[in-house]
Amino acid sequence: MSWMPKVLGCFALSASLLLMGTFGTSNLYGSQKKVVLVLTVTDDSFEAQVQKSTKPVLVDFWATWCGPCRRYGPIVDQLAQDYKGRLKVVRVDVDNNPRLSRQFRIQGIPTSMVFKKGRLIKTWVGLHSEADMKSQLDDLLKSDEGEK
């Protein structure tokens, strides 16, 4: 009977490891590779990534503490996915990039801007629905495609 505690102890250890791997803080959530389509842009990289881009660029000005920004974030991610290859999508954290915030006079967030050939062509302030954004982006991109 001296083997019984060892077997039970081994079973308990195996069961707890299995449960930790399934329900614990393992990499289950993070193990799925997610392609990041939204680039983080800074005061220093804005010119190269946005103003010199050959594609139109949607810029999302946001902050981590902003509730509407957090609700808008997944919409921006989806737009990046849906317009992949046609529209570059980037984010600017207004708290970490004060020069850009001043340059573009960001007074409310989220603020979205579209740049074409380095020029600002459209601005939205506040939380907008995915359908609204798609409708307006489609119009902007149609006019861009007509220029070619």
Protein backbone atom coordinates (compact mmCIF):
# COMPACT_ATOMS: atom_id res chain seq x y z
CA MET A 1 0.00 0.00 0.00
CA SER A 2 3.02 2.31 0.13
CA TRP A 3 2.68 2.92 -3.62
CA MET A 4 -0.84 4.41 -3.25
CA PRO A 5 0.21 7.90 -1.97
CA LYS A 6 2.81 8.16 -4.74
CA VAL A 7 0.28 7.26 -7.44
CA LEU A 8 -2.36 9.58 -6.02
CA GLY A 9 0.20 12.37 -5.62
CA CYS A 10 1.36 11.87 -9.20
CA PHE A 11 -2.25 11.88 -10.41
CA ALA A 12 -2.99 15.10 -8.49
CA LEU A 13 0.12 16.77 -9.93
CA SER A 14 -0.78 15.68 -13.48
CA ALA A 15 -4.36 16.84 -13.07
CA SER A 16 -3.31 20.24 -11.72
CA LEU A 17 -0.81 20.73 -14.55
CA LEU A 18 -3.48 19.80 -17.07
CA LEU A 19 -5.96 22.22 -15.53
CA MET A 20 -3.35 25.00 -15.39
CA GLY A 21 -2.60 24.46 -19.05
CA THR A 22 -6.26 24.53 -19.94
CA PHE A 23 -7.67 27.14 -17.60
CA GLY A 24 -4.67 28.87 -16.05
CA THR A 25 -2.59 31.74 -17.25
CA SER A 26 -0.97 29.82 -20.05
CA ASN A 27 -0.51 31.10 -23.55
CA LEU A 28 -3.85 29.77 -24.75
CA TYR A 29 -5.18 33.25 -25.49
CA GLY A 30 -1.91 34.58 -26.81
CA SER A 31 -0.92 31.40 -28.61
CA GLN A 32 -3.03 32.19 -31.64
CA LYS A 33 -0.83 34.20 -33.92
CA LYS A 34 -2.57 37.42 -34.80
CA VAL A 35 -1.25 39.46 -37.67
CA VAL A 36 -0.91 43.06 -36.59
CA LEU A 37 -2.15 45.29 -39.41
CA VAL A 38 -2.28 48.53 -37.45
CA LEU A 39 1.14 50.10 -37.00
CA THR A 40 1.90 52.34 -34.03
CA VAL A 41 3.28 55.65 -35.25
CA THR A 42 5.18 58.21 -33.17
CA ASP A 43 6.23 61.84 -33.45
CA ASP A 44 9.45 60.59 -35.02
CA SER A 45 8.00 58.05 -37.48
CA PHE A 46 4.89 59.94 -38.63
CA GLU A 47 6.48 61.60 -41.65
CA ALA A 48 7.95 58.37 -43.01
CA GLN A 49 4.91 56.18 -42.26
CA VAL A 50 2.09 58.60 -43.10
CA GLN A 51 3.16 61.64 -45.07
CA LYS A 52 5.47 59.72 -47.40
CA SER A 53 3.17 56.72 -47.83
CA THR A 54 2.27 55.74 -51.38
CA LYS A 55 -1.13 54.49 -50.13
CA PRO A 56 -3.85 56.51 -48.41
CA VAL A 57 -3.42 56.31 -44.62
CA LEU A 58 -6.07 56.20 -41.89
CA VAL A 59 -4.61 57.58 -38.64
CA ASP A 60 -6.36 56.79 -35.35
CA PHE A 61 -5.47 59.30 -32.61
CA TRP A 62 -6.30 57.68 -29.28
CA ALA A 63 -5.31 57.22 -25.61
CA THR A 64 -5.27 54.20 -23.32
CA TRP A 65 -7.51 55.88 -20.72
CA CYS A 66 -10.20 56.85 -23.26
CA GLY A 67 -13.32 54.65 -23.10
CA PRO A 68 -14.64 55.55 -26.58
CA CYS A 69 -11.13 54.93 -27.98
CA ARG A 70 -11.16 51.42 -26.53
CA ARG A 71 -14.54 50.74 -28.14
CA TYR A 72 -13.31 52.21 -31.42
CA GLY A 73 -10.07 50.20 -31.44
CA PRO A 74 -11.64 46.94 -32.71
CA ILE A 75 -13.39 48.91 -35.47
CA VAL A 76 -10.04 50.33 -36.57
CA ASP A 77 -8.54 46.83 -36.47
CA GLN A 78 -11.37 45.53 -38.65
CA LEU A 79 -10.95 48.40 -41.12
CA ALA A 80 -7.25 47.53 -41.40
CA GLN A 81 -8.23 43.95 -42.18
CA ASP A 82 -10.97 44.87 -44.66
CA TYR A 83 -8.91 47.46 -46.54
CA LYS A 84 -5.61 45.58 -46.47
CA GLY A 85 -3.60 46.49 -49.56
CA ARG A 86 -5.73 49.56 -50.33
CA LEU A 87 -5.37 51.60 -47.14
CA LYS A 88 -2.64 51.78 -44.55
CA VAL A 89 -3.96 52.04 -40.98
CA VAL A 90 -1.89 53.44 -38.10
CA ARG A 91 -2.40 54.55 -34.49
CA VAL A 92 -1.01 57.51 -32.58
CA ASP A 93 -1.17 57.56 -28.78
CA VAL A 94 -1.81 61.25 -28.05
CA ASP A 95 -0.24 61.07 -24.59
CA ASN A 96 3.05 59.71 -25.93
CA ASN A 97 3.17 61.95 -29.02
CA PRO A 98 2.45 65.54 -27.97
CA ARG A 99 4.03 67.07 -31.07
CA LEU A 100 1.56 65.33 -33.39
CA SER A 101 -1.33 66.15 -31.05
CA ARG A 102 -0.42 69.84 -31.24
CA GLN A 103 0.34 69.78 -34.97
CA PHE A 104 -3.08 68.36 -35.83
CA ARG A 105 -4.89 70.21 -33.04
CA ILE A 106 -6.32 67.07 -31.48
CA GLN A 107 -8.89 68.26 -28.96
CA GLY A 108 -11.15 65.23 -28.75
CA ILE A 109 -10.45 61.55 -29.07
CA PRO A 110 -10.82 59.28 -30.81
CA THR A 111 -9.98 61.35 -33.85
CA SER A 112 -9.45 59.71 -37.23
CA MET A 113 -7.76 61.34 -40.18
CA VAL A 114 -7.14 60.18 -43.72
CA PHE A 115 -4.03 61.33 -45.56
CA LYS A 116 -3.45 60.99 -49.30
CA LYS A 117 -0.08 61.79 -50.81
CA GLY A 118 0.93 63.39 -47.52
CA ARG A 119 -2.08 65.73 -47.34
CA LEU A 120 -4.88 65.59 -44.82
CA ILE A 121 -8.15 65.05 -46.71
CA LYS A 122 -10.70 63.93 -44.09
CA THR A 123 -11.17 64.14 -40.31
CA TRP A 124 -13.66 62.43 -37.98
CA VAL A 125 -13.92 63.23 -34.28
CA GLY A 126 -15.57 60.82 -31.87
CA LEU A 127 -16.72 57.25 -31.99
CA HIS A 128 -18.10 56.18 -35.38
CA SER A 129 -19.66 52.90 -36.42
CA GLU A 130 -17.86 50.48 -38.67
CA ALA A 131 -20.58 50.88 -41.33
CA ASP A 132 -20.24 54.68 -41.28
CA MET A 133 -16.46 54.49 -41.56
CA LYS A 134 -16.62 51.97 -44.40
CA SER A 135 -19.11 54.07 -46.34
CA GLN A 136 -16.95 57.18 -46.09
CA LEU A 137 -13.69 55.31 -46.73
CA ASP A 138 -15.21 53.66 -49.81
CA ASP A 139 -16.05 57.11 -51.17
CA LEU A 140 -12.56 58.42 -50.44
CA LEU A 141 -10.87 55.39 -51.97
CA LYS A 142 -13.10 55.48 -55.07
CA SER A 143 -12.03 59.04 -55.74
CA ASP A 144 -8.42 57.93 -55.23
CA GLU A 145 -8.79 55.04 -57.67
CA GLY A 146 -10.36 57.38 -60.21
CA GLU A 147 -7.21 59.52 -60.14
CA LYS A 148 -5.04 56.67 -61.42
